[in-house]
Amino acid sequence: DGVSRVSDARFDYTPFVTRHAEPGPPELGPYGEGREMWMPDPSGLPTIAQVRTEGRTTCTIAAREPYKSHDTYHLVFGGGSPNRPQLKDLWVDTATHDIWKLIVTGPIWFFNDPEHPYGLAEFQVELGYNGPYLVVNHVVWAYRRHEYSQYVNYFGEYTYSGYSFPASLPASYFGQETASVK
């Protein structure tokens, strides 16, 4: 949903909620208010599904290779616009079709200007199981920015753990009540 709950040693582990973590993790799809970077929709109507590309996008199987003890197909995507977020690589389990790793480019924001992204960074995202759910457990990103007469290199690494999931959720959690029928 584009919202992050952050608990960080720099802030004495006092949690806060933000739409712009420092500067990522990436939005892996059209979520939150950053959605227009992925698929602008001027109508304001909810989008059920849409696929589009700029130019010719390709997908090739680069290799069948082991990835953290899983037999995977390494898929490489190419031909997309270098100025828009895109999927670059996927490591897909050959037996279960689980995605174990992906590389995407996505917008990068910083706290001093949360409304305007600086550019696109590359994010390497690793997934793993937490109980029955496949979740993001590690993200590494890098970004190089030209500033005056020099370059600044940014690097971030996020390790996610301590996931917990309730046994059930009320319908109101998703913004609408459902009527019970007897």
Protein backbone atom coordinates (compact mmCIF):
# COMPACT_ATOMS: atom_id res chain seq x y z
CA ASP A 1 0.00 0.00 0.00
CA GLY A 2 3.01 2.30 -0.18
CA VAL A 3 3.17 2.81 3.61
CA SER A 4 6.15 1.79 5.73
CA ARG A 5 6.33 1.35 9.50
CA VAL A 6 9.92 2.04 10.47
CA SER A 7 11.63 1.11 13.71
CA ASP A 8 15.26 2.22 13.60
CA ALA A 9 18.15 2.37 16.07
CA ARG A 10 18.84 5.97 15.00
CA PHE A 11 15.45 6.96 16.46
CA ASP A 12 15.74 4.85 19.62
CA TYR A 13 13.50 2.22 18.00
CA THR A 14 10.47 4.51 18.30
CA PRO A 15 8.33 3.43 15.35
CA PHE A 16 6.96 5.92 12.85
CA VAL A 17 4.84 5.56 9.72
CA THR A 18 5.88 7.10 6.41
CA ARG A 19 5.21 6.87 2.70
CA HIS A 20 8.88 7.59 1.98
CA ALA A 21 11.34 5.30 3.69
CA GLU A 22 14.93 6.36 3.47
CA PRO A 23 14.85 6.05 0.36
CA GLY A 24 13.34 2.63 -0.25
CA PRO A 25 12.45 -0.30 -0.31
CA PRO A 26 11.07 -0.17 -3.82
CA GLU A 27 7.42 -0.29 -4.65
CA LEU A 28 7.15 -3.57 -6.50
CA GLY A 29 4.00 -2.61 -8.30
CA PRO A 30 1.46 0.15 -8.71
CA TYR A 31 0.90 0.79 -5.00
CA GLY A 32 0.39 3.90 -2.89
CA GLU A 33 0.63 7.43 -4.18
CA GLY A 34 3.72 6.59 -6.25
CA ARG A 35 1.46 4.59 -8.57
CA GLU A 36 1.61 7.16 -11.39
CA MET A 37 5.28 6.28 -11.96
CA TRP A 38 4.16 2.79 -12.94
CA MET A 39 0.87 3.36 -14.71
CA PRO A 40 -0.70 6.79 -14.89
CA ASP A 41 -4.50 6.77 -14.98
CA PRO A 42 -6.14 10.18 -15.46
CA SER A 43 -9.69 8.76 -15.22
CA GLY A 44 -9.52 8.17 -11.47
CA LEU A 45 -11.37 4.86 -11.92
CA PRO A 46 -9.93 1.78 -10.24
CA THR A 47 -7.69 -0.25 -12.52
CA ILE A 48 -8.23 -3.99 -12.43
CA ALA A 49 -5.33 -4.95 -14.70
CA GLN A 50 -3.23 -3.32 -17.36
CA VAL A 51 -0.05 -4.20 -19.18
CA ARG A 52 1.87 -1.78 -21.32
CA THR A 53 5.39 -1.17 -22.39
CA GLU A 54 7.40 1.50 -24.13
CA GLY A 55 9.24 0.05 -27.05
CA ARG A 56 9.94 -3.64 -27.39
CA THR A 57 10.36 -5.59 -24.15
CA THR A 58 12.11 -8.95 -24.26
CA CYS A 59 12.32 -11.84 -21.82
CA THR A 60 14.96 -14.53 -22.13
CA ILE A 61 16.04 -17.44 -19.98
CA ALA A 62 19.65 -16.53 -19.25
CA ALA A 63 20.39 -19.76 -17.38
CA ARG A 64 19.06 -22.56 -15.27
CA GLU A 65 21.04 -22.08 -12.08
CA PRO A 66 21.02 -22.78 -8.36
CA TYR A 67 19.96 -19.92 -6.12
CA LYS A 68 20.22 -20.52 -2.36
CA SER A 69 19.66 -24.28 -2.75
CA HIS A 70 16.76 -23.82 -5.20
CA ASP A 71 16.87 -24.86 -8.83
CA THR A 72 15.83 -21.70 -10.70
CA TYR A 73 15.35 -20.19 -14.12
CA HIS A 74 17.15 -16.85 -14.32
CA LEU A 75 14.96 -14.66 -16.54
CA VAL A 76 16.37 -11.44 -17.99
CA PHE A 77 14.11 -8.65 -19.26
CA GLY A 78 15.32 -6.02 -21.69
CA GLY A 79 14.24 -3.32 -24.08
CA GLY A 80 12.21 -1.21 -21.64
CA SER A 81 12.58 2.53 -21.27
CA PRO A 82 15.64 3.38 -19.12
CA ASN A 83 13.72 6.37 -17.70
CA ARG A 84 10.84 4.35 -16.23
CA PRO A 85 10.71 1.74 -13.47
CA GLN A 86 11.15 -1.74 -14.83
CA LEU A 87 11.71 -5.36 -14.00
CA LYS A 88 15.22 -6.44 -15.03
CA ASP A 89 15.78 -10.00 -13.67
CA LEU A 90 13.82 -12.81 -11.97
CA TRP A 91 14.96 -16.05 -10.38
CA VAL A 92 11.97 -18.43 -10.53
CA ASP A 93 11.89 -21.86 -8.90
CA THR A 94 11.68 -24.54 -11.60
CA ALA A 95 9.41 -26.78 -9.49
CA THR A 96 7.22 -24.47 -7.37
CA HIS A 97 7.35 -21.29 -9.52
CA ASP A 98 8.17 -19.26 -6.40
CA ILE A 99 10.12 -16.09 -7.10
CA TRP A 100 13.28 -16.11 -4.96
CA LYS A 101 14.96 -12.96 -6.23
CA LEU A 102 14.26 -10.06 -8.54
CA ILE A 103 16.04 -6.96 -9.72
CA VAL A 104 13.96 -3.86 -10.44
CA THR A 105 14.60 -0.20 -10.99
CA GLY A 106 12.42 2.20 -9.07
CA PRO A 107 12.21 5.85 -8.06
CA ILE A 108 14.33 7.05 -5.20
CA TRP A 109 13.20 9.76 -2.76
CA PHE A 110 14.87 11.44 0.17
CA PHE A 111 13.27 13.06 3.22
CA ASN A 112 14.19 16.61 2.17
CA ASP A 113 12.02 16.37 -0.98
CA PRO A 114 9.47 13.54 -0.65
CA GLU A 115 7.33 14.74 -3.57
CA HIS A 116 9.98 14.53 -6.30
CA PRO A 117 12.12 11.47 -6.94
CA TYR A 118 15.79 12.04 -7.77
CA GLY A 119 15.93 9.30 -10.35
CA LEU A 120 15.87 5.53 -10.64
CA ALA A 121 17.92 3.21 -8.45
CA GLU A 122 18.48 -0.51 -8.89
CA PHE A 123 16.97 -2.71 -6.17
CA GLN A 124 17.91 -6.37 -5.62
CA VAL A 125 15.06 -8.00 -3.73
CA GLU A 126 15.27 -11.46 -2.11
CA LEU A 127 12.25 -13.39 -0.89
CA GLY A 128 11.77 -16.26 1.52
CA TYR A 129 9.04 -18.07 3.39
CA ASN A 130 7.72 -16.93 6.75
CA GLY A 131 5.24 -19.63 7.67
CA PRO A 132 2.95 -20.15 4.67
CA TYR A 133 3.73 -16.72 3.15
CA LEU A 134 6.45 -15.81 0.67
CA VAL A 135 7.70 -12.39 1.83
CA VAL A 136 10.49 -9.93 1.10
CA ASN A 137 13.36 -10.62 3.49
CA HIS A 138 16.29 -8.68 2.04
CA VAL A 139 16.71 -5.61 -0.22
CA VAL A 140 19.94 -4.02 -1.43
CA TRP A 141 19.95 -0.84 -3.50
CA ALA A 142 22.52 1.52 -5.00
CA TYR A 143 22.26 4.94 -6.60
CA ARG A 144 24.84 7.33 -8.04
CA ARG A 145 23.93 11.01 -8.29
CA HIS A 146 25.80 13.89 -9.89
CA GLU A 147 26.01 16.78 -7.44
CA TYR A 148 27.77 19.95 -8.61
CA SER A 149 31.25 18.85 -9.77
CA GLN A 150 31.27 15.45 -8.09
CA TYR A 151 29.28 12.24 -7.70
CA VAL A 152 27.62 10.95 -4.56
CA ASN A 153 27.16 7.19 -4.16
CA TYR A 154 24.27 5.96 -2.05
CA PHE A 155 23.87 2.41 -0.82
CA GLY A 156 21.16 0.85 1.29
CA GLU A 157 20.50 -2.58 2.71
CA TYR A 158 17.32 -3.70 4.43
CA THR A 159 16.83 -6.99 6.23
CA TYR A 160 13.23 -7.79 7.11
CA SER A 161 12.26 -10.17 9.90
CA GLY A 162 9.73 -10.58 12.65
CA TYR A 163 6.75 -10.81 10.32
CA SER A 164 3.49 -11.74 11.99
CA PHE A 165 0.13 -12.32 10.40
CA PRO A 166 -3.26 -12.38 12.12
CA ALA A 167 -5.42 -15.47 11.73
CA SER A 168 -8.18 -13.34 10.17
CA LEU A 169 -8.94 -9.71 9.32
CA PRO A 170 -12.23 -7.83 9.54
CA ALA A 171 -13.76 -6.73 6.22
CA SER A 172 -13.50 -3.09 7.36
CA TYR A 173 -9.70 -3.40 7.18
CA PHE A 174 -10.02 -3.31 3.40
CA GLY A 175 -12.24 -0.22 3.34
CA GLN A 176 -15.65 -1.79 2.92
CA GLU A 177 -18.03 -3.74 5.07
CA THR A 178 -19.51 -6.94 3.75
CA ALA A 179 -23.08 -7.82 4.59
CA SER A 180 -23.62 -11.24 6.06
CA VAL A 181 -26.23 -13.30 4.29
CA LYS A 182 -28.18 -15.95 6.15
